């Protein structure tokens, strides 16, 4: 067998197991999320893709990461012009190469040569700012700073390397992973990358940036599906992954435009497959090949659209 470096494909690094492992299956799941992110959506219709896997370890997060990485890079902004259009006192988000800052915008300070952005209690030279945007929905309990995690090979290969600070700043939680939080949370520490490529590995946590209740820089949310009421998802959600039977039971209630139902064949519970088939019976079939994605050995899929 070729070494990981010779393989040149996607590899996973699990610190608990030690060592990097080639993972074609993981690349396939990333690819599914990316393909779905690029699909044109019909107004009033929901695209559902049911994916059956031998075991669903890491699958929900990999599919979700594919969706996030397929989003277009944040457009470059004229920082000075943007700042000039923000009324004083407006909440705003800002990115430099090292820091993400969310706080109250005050003014442009021109008293020290190069203009500076007065955000919160600090001043930032305009030339050091990668992205700036007003966000009137930002509450004070989400003000604060976060460090920019350097992008690894997984992020760089999708074209987000140079725009990464701005991408982090501009992101919204468009992905909701519904499942068992105690199962999904440890999986966020899995690292993925491309063998032989510059940048090393990226943690799934750094790609997905799940909302922790305090950060204004989230790209996803992990939502409990095991409760007795329909799980609340962020208003920006466009893509939902229902991880296992406890989450798939909510499929008839979900009104998100694109949904993946992840079925674990190692489970004896057949209710997940039945729920999918019942939803499919009132929808229109979609060819999986038409999505630009092909399942590999061990992974099965079907797709359909239903009205929402």
C-alpha atoms as a PDB file:
ATOM      1  CA  UNK A   1       0.000   0.000   0.000  1.00  0.00           C
ATOM      2  CA  UNK A   2       1.256   3.488  -0.797  1.00  0.00           C
ATOM      3  CA  UNK A   3       2.247   5.709   2.076  1.00  0.00           C
ATOM      4  CA  UNK A   4      -0.011   8.582   3.070  1.00  0.00           C
ATOM      5  CA  UNK A   5       2.291  11.047   1.330  1.00  0.00           C
ATOM      6  CA  UNK A   6       2.345   8.982  -1.863  1.00  0.00           C
ATOM      7  CA  UNK A   7      -1.420   8.584  -1.720  1.00  0.00           C
ATOM      8  CA  UNK A   8      -1.942  12.309  -2.335  1.00  0.00           C
ATOM      9  CA  UNK A   9      -5.590  12.087  -1.249  1.00  0.00           C
ATOM     10  CA  UNK A  10      -7.596  13.097   1.779  1.00  0.00           C
ATOM     11  CA  UNK A  11      -6.306  11.856   5.119  1.00  0.00           C
ATOM     12  CA  UNK A  12      -7.756  11.979   8.604  1.00  0.00           C
ATOM     13  CA  UNK A  13      -5.758  12.424  11.777  1.00  0.00           C
ATOM     14  CA  UNK A  14      -7.328  11.205  15.001  1.00  0.00           C
ATOM     15  CA  UNK A  15      -5.168  12.180  17.964  1.00  0.00           C
ATOM     16  CA  UNK A  16      -6.627   9.394  20.051  1.00  0.00           C
ATOM     17  CA  UNK A  17      -5.691   6.702  17.545  1.00  0.00           C
ATOM     18  CA  UNK A  18      -2.414   8.302  16.462  1.00  0.00           C
ATOM     19  CA  UNK A  19      -1.212   8.742  12.907  1.00  0.00           C
ATOM     20  CA  UNK A  20      -2.820   9.841   9.667  1.00  0.00           C
ATOM     21  CA  UNK A  21      -5.070   7.472   7.745  1.00  0.00           C
ATOM     22  CA  UNK A  22      -6.023   7.702   4.046  1.00  0.00           C
ATOM     23  CA  UNK A  23      -9.800   8.184   3.847  1.00  0.00           C
ATOM     24  CA  UNK A  24     -11.366   8.089   0.401  1.00  0.00           C
ATOM     25  CA  UNK A  25     -14.787   7.712   2.011  1.00  0.00           C
ATOM     26  CA  UNK A  26     -14.310  10.971   3.916  1.00  0.00           C
ATOM     27  CA  UNK A  27     -13.487  12.828   0.725  1.00  0.00           C
ATOM     28  CA  UNK A  28     -16.643  11.406  -0.829  1.00  0.00           C
ATOM     29  CA  UNK A  29     -18.774  12.777   2.011  1.00  0.00           C
ATOM     30  CA  UNK A  30     -17.079  16.169   1.831  1.00  0.00           C
ATOM     31  CA  UNK A  31     -17.840  16.136  -1.876  1.00  0.00           C
ATOM     32  CA  UNK A  32     -21.521  15.480  -1.246  1.00  0.00           C
ATOM     33  CA  UNK A  33     -21.828  18.544   0.966  1.00  0.00           C
ATOM     34  CA  UNK A  34     -19.987  20.644  -1.609  1.00  0.00           C
ATOM     35  CA  UNK A  35     -22.211  19.440  -4.461  1.00  0.00           C
ATOM     36  CA  UNK A  36     -25.356  20.208  -2.512  1.00  0.00           C
ATOM     37  CA  UNK A  37     -24.094  23.710  -1.735  1.00  0.00           C
ATOM     38  CA  UNK A  38     -23.875  24.381  -5.476  1.00  0.00           C
ATOM     39  CA  UNK A  39     -27.297  22.997  -6.400  1.00  0.00           C
ATOM     40  CA  UNK A  40     -29.898  25.370  -7.750  1.00  0.00           C
ATOM     41  CA  UNK A  41     -32.905  25.225  -5.453  1.00  0.00           C
ATOM     42  CA  UNK A  42     -36.520  25.344  -6.562  1.00  0.00           C
ATOM     43  CA  UNK A  43     -38.615  27.801  -4.614  1.00  0.00           C
ATOM     44  CA  UNK A  44     -41.132  26.020  -2.431  1.00  0.00           C
ATOM     45  CA  UNK A  45     -39.376  22.664  -2.750  1.00  0.00           C
ATOM     46  CA  UNK A  46     -37.053  20.789  -0.439  1.00  0.00           C
ATOM     47  CA  UNK A  47     -34.237  18.584  -1.725  1.00  0.00           C
ATOM     48  CA  UNK A  48     -33.733  15.512   0.476  1.00  0.00           C
ATOM     49  CA  UNK A  49     -30.765  13.162   0.071  1.00  0.00           C
ATOM     50  CA  UNK A  50     -30.883  10.000   2.177  1.00  0.00           C
ATOM     51  CA  UNK A  51     -27.432   8.480   2.675  1.00  0.00           C
ATOM     52  CA  UNK A  52     -26.938   5.015   4.133  1.00  0.00           C
ATOM     53  CA  UNK A  53     -23.500   4.309   5.636  1.00  0.00           C
ATOM     54  CA  UNK A  54     -21.986   1.300   7.455  1.00  0.00           C
ATOM     55  CA  UNK A  55     -21.413   3.538  10.465  1.00  0.00           C
ATOM     56  CA  UNK A  56     -22.105   7.237  10.706  1.00  0.00           C
ATOM     57  CA  UNK A  57     -18.958   8.229  12.661  1.00  0.00           C
ATOM     58  CA  UNK A  58     -17.822  11.666  11.419  1.00  0.00           C
ATOM     59  CA  UNK A  59     -20.179  11.462   8.426  1.00  0.00           C
ATOM     60  CA  UNK A  60     -22.537  14.278   9.449  1.00  0.00           C
ATOM     61  CA  UNK A  61     -19.675  16.669  10.161  1.00  0.00           C
ATOM     62  CA  UNK A  62     -17.798  15.824   6.965  1.00  0.00           C
ATOM     63  CA  UNK A  63     -20.876  16.448   4.821  1.00  0.00           C
ATOM     64  CA  UNK A  64     -21.467  19.719   6.668  1.00  0.00           C
ATOM     65  CA  UNK A  65     -17.828  20.766   6.243  1.00  0.00           C
ATOM     66  CA  UNK A  66     -18.147  20.184   2.506  1.00  0.00           C
ATOM     67  CA  UNK A  67     -21.095  22.587   2.411  1.00  0.00           C
ATOM     68  CA  UNK A  68     -19.199  25.280   4.353  1.00  0.00           C
ATOM     69  CA  UNK A  69     -16.044  24.985   2.247  1.00  0.00           C
ATOM     70  CA  UNK A  70     -18.059  25.243  -0.979  1.00  0.00           C
ATOM     71  CA  UNK A  71     -19.376  28.688  -0.062  1.00  0.00           C
ATOM     72  CA  UNK A  72     -17.806  31.509  -2.103  1.00  0.00           C
ATOM     73  CA  UNK A  73     -15.013  33.494  -0.433  1.00  0.00           C
ATOM     74  CA  UNK A  74     -16.102  36.705   1.256  1.00  0.00           C
ATOM     75  CA  UNK A  75     -15.918  39.592  -1.230  1.00  0.00           C
ATOM     76  CA  UNK A  76     -13.223  42.171  -0.614  1.00  0.00           C
ATOM     77  CA  UNK A  77     -14.530  45.399   0.842  1.00  0.00           C
ATOM     78  CA  UNK A  78     -13.285  48.965   0.808  1.00  0.00           C
ATOM     79  CA  UNK A  79     -12.761  49.154   4.558  1.00  0.00           C
ATOM     80  CA  UNK A  80     -12.602  52.943   4.739  1.00  0.00           C
ATOM     81  CA  UNK A  81     -15.741  53.407   2.639  1.00  0.00           C
ATOM     82  CA  UNK A  82     -17.552  50.710   4.614  1.00  0.00           C
ATOM     83  CA  UNK A  83     -16.601  52.304   7.925  1.00  0.00           C
ATOM     84  CA  UNK A  84     -17.730  55.692   6.672  1.00  0.00           C
ATOM     85  CA  UNK A  85     -21.202  54.296   6.011  1.00  0.00           C
ATOM     86  CA  UNK A  86     -21.663  52.731   9.469  1.00  0.00           C
ATOM     87  CA  UNK A  87     -23.566  54.959  11.922  1.00  0.00           C
ATOM     88  CA  UNK A  88     -21.748  55.443  15.245  1.00  0.00           C
ATOM     89  CA  UNK A  89     -22.963  53.041  17.908  1.00  0.00           C
ATOM     90  CA  UNK A  90     -23.808  50.254  15.438  1.00  0.00           C
ATOM     91  CA  UNK A  91     -22.638  46.711  16.286  1.00  0.00           C
ATOM     92  CA  UNK A  92     -20.067  45.492  13.778  1.00  0.00           C
ATOM     93  CA  UNK A  93     -17.804  42.563  12.989  1.00  0.00           C
ATOM     94  CA  UNK A  94     -14.196  42.973  11.885  1.00  0.00           C
ATOM     95  CA  UNK A  95     -11.334  40.714  10.836  1.00  0.00           C
ATOM     96  CA  UNK A  96      -7.572  41.224  10.763  1.00  0.00           C
ATOM     97  CA  UNK A  97      -5.039  38.556   9.864  1.00  0.00           C
ATOM     98  CA  UNK A  98      -4.859  37.489  13.515  1.00  0.00           C
ATOM     99  CA  UNK A  99      -8.070  38.595  15.227  1.00  0.00           C
ATOM    100  CA  UNK A 100     -11.836  38.515  14.827  1.00  0.00           C
ATOM    101  CA  UNK A 101     -13.533  41.321  16.716  1.00  0.00           C
ATOM    102  CA  UNK A 102     -17.205  41.961  17.371  1.00  0.00           C
ATOM    103  CA  UNK A 103     -18.119  45.150  19.181  1.00  0.00           C
ATOM    104  CA  UNK A 104     -19.697  48.574  18.867  1.00  0.00           C
ATOM    105  CA  UNK A 105     -18.412  50.766  16.040  1.00  0.00           C
ATOM    106  CA  UNK A 106     -17.690  54.367  17.026  1.00  0.00           C
ATOM    107  CA  UNK A 107     -15.860  56.260  14.291  1.00  0.00           C
ATOM    108  CA  UNK A 108     -12.937  56.632  11.914  1.00  0.00           C
ATOM    109  CA  UNK A 109     -10.053  58.232  13.765  1.00  0.00           C
ATOM    110  CA  UNK A 110      -7.853  60.416  11.531  1.00  0.00           C
ATOM    111  CA  UNK A 111      -5.739  62.043  14.241  1.00  0.00           C
ATOM    112  CA  UNK A 112      -2.643  59.817  13.889  1.00  0.00           C
ATOM    113  CA  UNK A 113      -1.794  59.800  10.164  1.00  0.00           C
ATOM    114  CA  UNK A 114      -3.217  56.559   8.735  1.00  0.00           C
ATOM    115  CA  UNK A 115      -6.954  56.340   9.471  1.00  0.00           C
ATOM    116  CA  UNK A 116      -7.925  53.964  12.255  1.00  0.00           C
ATOM    117  CA  UNK A 117     -11.153  52.093  12.986  1.00  0.00           C
ATOM    118  CA  UNK A 118     -12.472  52.732  16.479  1.00  0.00           C
ATOM    119  CA  UNK A 119     -14.257  49.490  17.396  1.00  0.00           C
ATOM    120  CA  UNK A 120     -15.089  48.781  21.012  1.00  0.00           C
ATOM    121  CA  UNK A 121     -12.272  50.007  23.215  1.00  0.00           C
ATOM    122  CA  UNK A 122      -9.508  49.710  20.612  1.00  0.00           C
ATOM    123  CA  UNK A 123      -8.236  51.350  17.433  1.00  0.00           C
ATOM    124  CA  UNK A 124      -7.183  49.409  14.329  1.00  0.00           C
ATOM    125  CA  UNK A 125      -5.244  50.743  11.337  1.00  0.00           C
ATOM    126  CA  UNK A 126      -7.363  50.530   8.203  1.00  0.00           C
ATOM    127  CA  UNK A 127      -4.557  48.769   6.332  1.00  0.00           C
ATOM    128  CA  UNK A 128      -4.604  45.887   8.824  1.00  0.00           C
ATOM    129  CA  UNK A 129      -8.343  45.228   8.462  1.00  0.00           C
ATOM    130  CA  UNK A 130      -9.381  42.424   6.072  1.00  0.00           C
ATOM    131  CA  UNK A 131     -13.131  42.713   6.508  1.00  0.00           C
ATOM    132  CA  UNK A 132     -15.602  45.006   8.217  1.00  0.00           C
ATOM    133  CA  UNK A 133     -19.389  44.816   8.282  1.00  0.00           C
ATOM    134  CA  UNK A 134     -22.171  46.322  10.333  1.00  0.00           C
ATOM    135  CA  UNK A 135     -24.445  43.779  12.006  1.00  0.00           C
ATOM    136  CA  UNK A 136     -27.435  45.349  13.708  1.00  0.00           C
ATOM    137  CA  UNK A 137     -28.637  41.925  14.880  1.00  0.00           C
ATOM    138  CA  UNK A 138     -25.467  41.431  16.945  1.00  0.00           C
ATOM    139  CA  UNK A 139     -26.253  41.547  20.659  1.00  0.00           C
ATOM    140  CA  UNK A 140     -23.796  42.825  23.261  1.00  0.00           C
ATOM    141  CA  UNK A 141     -23.506  39.375  24.861  1.00  0.00           C
ATOM    142  CA  UNK A 142     -21.726  38.230  21.693  1.00  0.00           C
ATOM    143  CA  UNK A 143     -19.159  41.039  21.670  1.00  0.00           C
ATOM    144  CA  UNK A 144     -15.554  39.925  22.019  1.00  0.00           C
ATOM    145  CA  UNK A 145     -12.444  38.682  20.237  1.00  0.00           C
ATOM    146  CA  UNK A 146     -11.458  35.366  18.704  1.00  0.00           C
ATOM    147  CA  UNK A 147      -8.141  34.312  17.218  1.00  0.00           C
ATOM    148  CA  UNK A 148      -7.951  33.447  13.522  1.00  0.00           C
ATOM    149  CA  UNK A 149      -6.900  29.809  13.191  1.00  0.00           C
ATOM    150  CA  UNK A 150      -4.419  29.517  10.286  1.00  0.00           C
ATOM    151  CA  UNK A 151      -5.975  27.597   7.367  1.00  0.00           C
ATOM    152  CA  UNK A 152      -4.622  24.131   6.619  1.00  0.00           C
ATOM    153  CA  UNK A 153      -4.559  22.199   3.355  1.00  0.00           C
ATOM    154  CA  UNK A 154      -8.270  21.317   3.468  1.00  0.00           C
ATOM    155  CA  UNK A 155      -9.264  24.976   3.568  1.00  0.00           C
ATOM    156  CA  UNK A 156      -6.551  26.156   1.184  1.00  0.00           C
ATOM    157  CA  UNK A 157      -7.447  23.640  -1.497  1.00  0.00           C
ATOM    158  CA  UNK A 158     -10.997  25.007  -1.660  1.00  0.00           C
ATOM    159  CA  UNK A 159      -9.722  28.506  -2.452  1.00  0.00           C
ATOM    160  CA  UNK A 160     -10.285  30.026   0.986  1.00  0.00           C
ATOM    161  CA  UNK A 161      -6.631  30.351   2.036  1.00  0.00           C
ATOM    162  CA  UNK A 162      -6.147  34.052   1.275  1.00  0.00           C
ATOM    163  CA  UNK A 163      -9.683  35.104   2.196  1.00  0.00           C
ATOM    164  CA  UNK A 164      -9.945  33.038   5.388  1.00  0.00           C
ATOM    165  CA  UNK A 165     -10.047  35.900   7.979  1.00  0.00           C
ATOM    166  CA  UNK A 166     -12.749  37.647   5.958  1.00  0.00           C
ATOM    167  CA  UNK A 167     -14.639  34.378   5.468  1.00  0.00           C
ATOM    168  CA  UNK A 168     -14.663  33.798   9.221  1.00  0.00           C
ATOM    169  CA  UNK A 169     -15.922  37.309   9.840  1.00  0.00           C
ATOM    170  CA  UNK A 170     -18.655  37.199   7.197  1.00  0.00           C
ATOM    171  CA  UNK A 171     -19.955  33.706   7.974  1.00  0.00           C
ATOM    172  CA  UNK A 172     -23.423  32.890   9.246  1.00  0.00           C
ATOM    173  CA  UNK A 173     -24.726  29.589  10.672  1.00  0.00           C
ATOM    174  CA  UNK A 174     -26.215  28.230   7.432  1.00  0.00           C
ATOM    175  CA  UNK A 175     -25.713  24.586   8.492  1.00  0.00           C
ATOM    176  CA  UNK A 176     -27.559  22.775  11.279  1.00  0.00           C
ATOM    177  CA  UNK A 177     -26.467  19.285  12.323  1.00  0.00           C
ATOM    178  CA  UNK A 178     -29.285  17.625  14.226  1.00  0.00           C
ATOM    179  CA  UNK A 179     -28.318  14.654  16.363  1.00  0.00           C
ATOM    180  CA  UNK A 180     -26.913  13.594  19.703  1.00  0.00           C
ATOM    181  CA  UNK A 181     -24.641  16.384  20.905  1.00  0.00           C
ATOM    182  CA  UNK A 182     -22.589  14.146  23.198  1.00  0.00           C
ATOM    183  CA  UNK A 183     -21.727  12.053  20.140  1.00  0.00           C
ATOM    184  CA  UNK A 184     -21.076  14.860  17.688  1.00  0.00           C
ATOM    185  CA  UNK A 185     -19.083  17.247  19.878  1.00  0.00           C
ATOM    186  CA  UNK A 186     -15.992  14.994  20.311  1.00  0.00           C
ATOM    187  CA  UNK A 187     -15.939  14.368  16.556  1.00  0.00           C
ATOM    188  CA  UNK A 188     -15.258  18.073  15.972  1.00  0.00           C
ATOM    189  CA  UNK A 189     -11.638  17.480  16.999  1.00  0.00           C
ATOM    190  CA  UNK A 190     -10.968  15.193  14.034  1.00  0.00           C
ATOM    191  CA  UNK A 191      -8.374  16.698  11.691  1.00  0.00           C
ATOM    192  CA  UNK A 192      -8.480  16.399   7.916  1.00  0.00           C
ATOM    193  CA  UNK A 193      -6.121  17.437   5.150  1.00  0.00           C
ATOM    194  CA  UNK A 194      -4.641  16.591   1.776  1.00  0.00           C
ATOM    195  CA  UNK A 195      -1.502  14.470   1.831  1.00  0.00           C
ATOM    196  CA  UNK A 196       1.546  16.233   0.479  1.00  0.00           C
ATOM    197  CA  UNK A 197      -0.150  19.652   0.309  1.00  0.00           C
ATOM    198  CA  UNK A 198       0.949  22.817   2.041  1.00  0.00           C
ATOM    199  CA  UNK A 199      -0.789  23.744   5.266  1.00  0.00           C
ATOM    200  CA  UNK A 200      -1.143  20.502   7.204  1.00  0.00           C
ATOM    201  CA  UNK A 201      -4.489  19.604   8.731  1.00  0.00           C
ATOM    202  CA  UNK A 202      -7.677  21.448   9.680  1.00  0.00           C
ATOM    203  CA  UNK A 203      -9.871  20.510  12.620  1.00  0.00           C
ATOM    204  CA  UNK A 204     -13.494  20.018  11.683  1.00  0.00           C
ATOM    205  CA  UNK A 205     -14.266  22.384  14.555  1.00  0.00           C
ATOM    206  CA  UNK A 206     -12.315  25.191  12.840  1.00  0.00           C
ATOM    207  CA  UNK A 207     -14.111  24.624   9.537  1.00  0.00           C
ATOM    208  CA  UNK A 208     -17.625  24.352  10.979  1.00  0.00           C
ATOM    209  CA  UNK A 209     -17.252  26.798  13.873  1.00  0.00           C
ATOM    210  CA  UNK A 210     -20.440  25.633  15.638  1.00  0.00           C
ATOM    211  CA  UNK A 211     -22.333  28.283  17.577  1.00  0.00           C
ATOM    212  CA  UNK A 212     -21.367  28.101  21.245  1.00  0.00           C
ATOM    213  CA  UNK A 213     -23.975  30.640  22.315  1.00  0.00           C
ATOM    214  CA  UNK A 214     -21.445  33.492  22.605  1.00  0.00           C
ATOM    215  CA  UNK A 215     -19.577  33.745  19.278  1.00  0.00           C
ATOM    216  CA  UNK A 216     -20.730  35.989  16.422  1.00  0.00           C
ATOM    217  CA  UNK A 217     -18.509  34.098  13.967  1.00  0.00           C
ATOM    218  CA  UNK A 218     -20.319  30.763  13.595  1.00  0.00           C
ATOM    219  CA  UNK A 219     -20.853  28.784  10.388  1.00  0.00           C
ATOM    220  CA  UNK A 220     -22.996  26.002  11.849  1.00  0.00           C
ATOM    221  CA  UNK A 221     -25.048  24.814  14.793  1.00  0.00           C
ATOM    222  CA  UNK A 222     -25.219  21.427  16.475  1.00  0.00           C
ATOM    223  CA  UNK A 223     -28.790  20.887  17.608  1.00  0.00           C
ATOM    224  CA  UNK A 224     -30.134  18.148  19.851  1.00  0.00           C
ATOM    225  CA  UNK A 225     -32.593  15.879  18.069  1.00  0.00           C
ATOM    226  CA  UNK A 226     -33.364  13.660  21.029  1.00  0.00           C
ATOM    227  CA  UNK A 227     -35.824  15.899  22.817  1.00  0.00           C
ATOM    228  CA  UNK A 228     -39.610  15.686  22.761  1.00  0.00           C
ATOM    229  CA  UNK A 229     -40.074  18.892  20.770  1.00  0.00           C
ATOM    230  CA  UNK A 230     -38.984  19.903  17.298  1.00  0.00           C
ATOM    231  CA  UNK A 231     -35.402  21.210  17.470  1.00  0.00           C
ATOM    232  CA  UNK A 232     -34.978  24.929  16.885  1.00  0.00           C
ATOM    233  CA  UNK A 233     -32.442  25.787  14.185  1.00  0.00           C
ATOM    234  CA  UNK A 234     -30.827  29.185  13.512  1.00  0.00           C
ATOM    235  CA  UNK A 235     -32.849  31.414  11.212  1.00  0.00           C
ATOM    236  CA  UNK A 236     -29.983  31.451   8.663  1.00  0.00           C
ATOM    237  CA  UNK A 237     -30.044  27.656   8.213  1.00  0.00           C
ATOM    238  CA  UNK A 238     -30.145  26.582   4.555  1.00  0.00           C
ATOM    239  CA  UNK A 239     -28.804  23.065   4.977  1.00  0.00           C
ATOM    240  CA  UNK A 240     -29.625  20.475   7.639  1.00  0.00           C
ATOM    241  CA  UNK A 241     -28.016  17.105   8.313  1.00  0.00           C
ATOM    242  CA  UNK A 242     -30.231  14.743  10.303  1.00  0.00           C
ATOM    243  CA  UNK A 243     -27.800  12.356  11.982  1.00  0.00           C
ATOM    244  CA  UNK A 244     -29.414   9.007  12.739  1.00  0.00           C
ATOM    245  CA  UNK A 245     -32.897   7.866  13.714  1.00  0.00           C
ATOM    246  CA  UNK A 246     -33.345  10.281  16.636  1.00  0.00           C
ATOM    247  CA  UNK A 247     -32.940  13.197  14.220  1.00  0.00           C
ATOM    248  CA  UNK A 248     -34.553  11.725  11.091  1.00  0.00           C
ATOM    249  CA  UNK A 249     -37.872  11.322  12.925  1.00  0.00           C
ATOM    250  CA  UNK A 250     -38.187  15.123  12.556  1.00  0.00           C
ATOM    251  CA  UNK A 251     -37.871  15.024   8.743  1.00  0.00           C
ATOM    252  CA  UNK A 252     -41.608  15.647   8.120  1.00  0.00           C
ATOM    253  CA  UNK A 253     -41.358  18.835  10.222  1.00  0.00           C
ATOM    254  CA  UNK A 254     -38.146  20.230   8.718  1.00  0.00           C
ATOM    255  CA  UNK A 255     -38.661  23.116   6.292  1.00  0.00           C
ATOM    256  CA  UNK A 256     -35.022  23.734   5.381  1.00  0.00           C
ATOM    257  CA  UNK A 257     -34.306  23.900   1.606  1.00  0.00           C
ATOM    258  CA  UNK A 258     -31.672  21.117   1.538  1.00  0.00           C
ATOM    259  CA  UNK A 259     -31.611  18.134   3.919  1.00  0.00           C
ATOM    260  CA  UNK A 260     -29.404  15.079   4.261  1.00  0.00           C
ATOM    261  CA  UNK A 261     -30.856  12.156   6.231  1.00  0.00           C
ATOM    262  CA  UNK A 262     -27.956  10.025   7.456  1.00  0.00           C
ATOM    263  CA  UNK A 263     -28.965   6.401   8.039  1.00  0.00           C
ATOM    264  CA  UNK A 264     -26.685   4.124  10.063  1.00  0.00           C
ATOM    265  CA  UNK A 265     -26.846   0.529   8.810  1.00  0.00           C
ATOM    266  CA  UNK A 266     -25.206  -0.736  12.002  1.00  0.00           C
ATOM    267  CA  UNK A 267     -28.350   0.262  13.921  1.00  0.00           C
ATOM    268  CA  UNK A 268     -31.196  -2.212  14.336  1.00  0.00           C
ATOM    269  CA  UNK A 269     -33.683   0.682  14.358  1.00  0.00           C
ATOM    270  CA  UNK A 270     -35.479   0.723  10.991  1.00  0.00           C
ATOM    271  CA  UNK A 271     -37.609   3.772  11.756  1.00  0.00           C
ATOM    272  CA  UNK A 272     -35.213   6.157  10.007  1.00  0.00           C
ATOM    273  CA  UNK A 273     -35.557   4.406   6.644  1.00  0.00           C
ATOM    274  CA  UNK A 274     -39.340   4.235   7.039  1.00  0.00           C
ATOM    275  CA  UNK A 275     -39.556   7.964   7.754  1.00  0.00           C
ATOM    276  CA  UNK A 276     -37.519   8.746   4.640  1.00  0.00           C
ATOM    277  CA  UNK A 277     -39.661   6.486   2.451  1.00  0.00           C
ATOM    278  CA  UNK A 278     -42.861   8.012   3.767  1.00  0.00           C
ATOM    279  CA  UNK A 279     -41.595  11.504   2.962  1.00  0.00           C
ATOM    280  CA  UNK A 280     -40.443  10.315  -0.465  1.00  0.00           C
ATOM    281  CA  UNK A 281     -43.905   8.923  -1.241  1.00  0.00           C
ATOM    282  CA  UNK A 282     -45.290  12.461  -1.493  1.00  0.00           C
ATOM    283  CA  UNK A 283     -42.304  13.842  -3.389  1.00  0.00           C
ATOM    284  CA  UNK A 284     -40.660  13.586  -6.784  1.00  0.00           C
ATOM    285  CA  UNK A 285     -37.601  11.359  -7.323  1.00  0.00           C
ATOM    286  CA  UNK A 286     -34.271  12.951  -8.198  1.00  0.00           C
ATOM    287  CA  UNK A 287     -31.400  11.064  -9.802  1.00  0.00           C
ATOM    288  CA  UNK A 288     -28.399  11.074  -7.474  1.00  0.00           C
ATOM    289  CA  UNK A 289     -26.120  11.203 -10.520  1.00  0.00           C
ATOM    290  CA  UNK A 290     -27.885  14.418 -11.503  1.00  0.00           C
ATOM    291  CA  UNK A 291     -26.476  16.035  -8.369  1.00  0.00           C
ATOM    292  CA  UNK A 292     -22.978  15.563  -9.754  1.00  0.00           C
ATOM    293  CA  UNK A 293     -22.087  13.062  -7.038  1.00  0.00           C
ATOM    294  CA  UNK A 294     -21.519   9.324  -7.066  1.00  0.00           C
ATOM    295  CA  UNK A 295     -21.647   7.048  -4.021  1.00  0.00           C
ATOM    296  CA  UNK A 296     -18.701   4.716  -3.527  1.00  0.00           C
ATOM    297  CA  UNK A 297     -18.817   1.102  -2.344  1.00  0.00           C
ATOM    298  CA  UNK A 298     -20.394   0.856   1.100  1.00  0.00           C
ATOM    299  CA  UNK A 299     -22.399   4.061   0.747  1.00  0.00           C
ATOM    300  CA  UNK A 300     -25.908   4.107  -0.732  1.00  0.00           C
ATOM    301  CA  UNK A 301     -28.044   7.130  -1.532  1.00  0.00           C
ATOM    302  CA  UNK A 302     -31.400   8.205  -2.901  1.00  0.00           C
ATOM    303  CA  UNK A 303     -32.724  11.682  -3.507  1.00  0.00           C
ATOM    304  CA  UNK A 304     -36.085  13.358  -4.001  1.00  0.00           C
ATOM    305  CA  UNK A 305     -37.800  16.715  -3.800  1.00  0.00           C
ATOM    306  CA  UNK A 306     -40.880  17.476  -1.726  1.00  0.00           C
ATOM    307  CA  UNK A 307     -42.952  20.601  -1.339  1.00  0.00           C
ATOM    308  CA  UNK A 308     -42.424  22.732   1.765  1.00  0.00           C
END
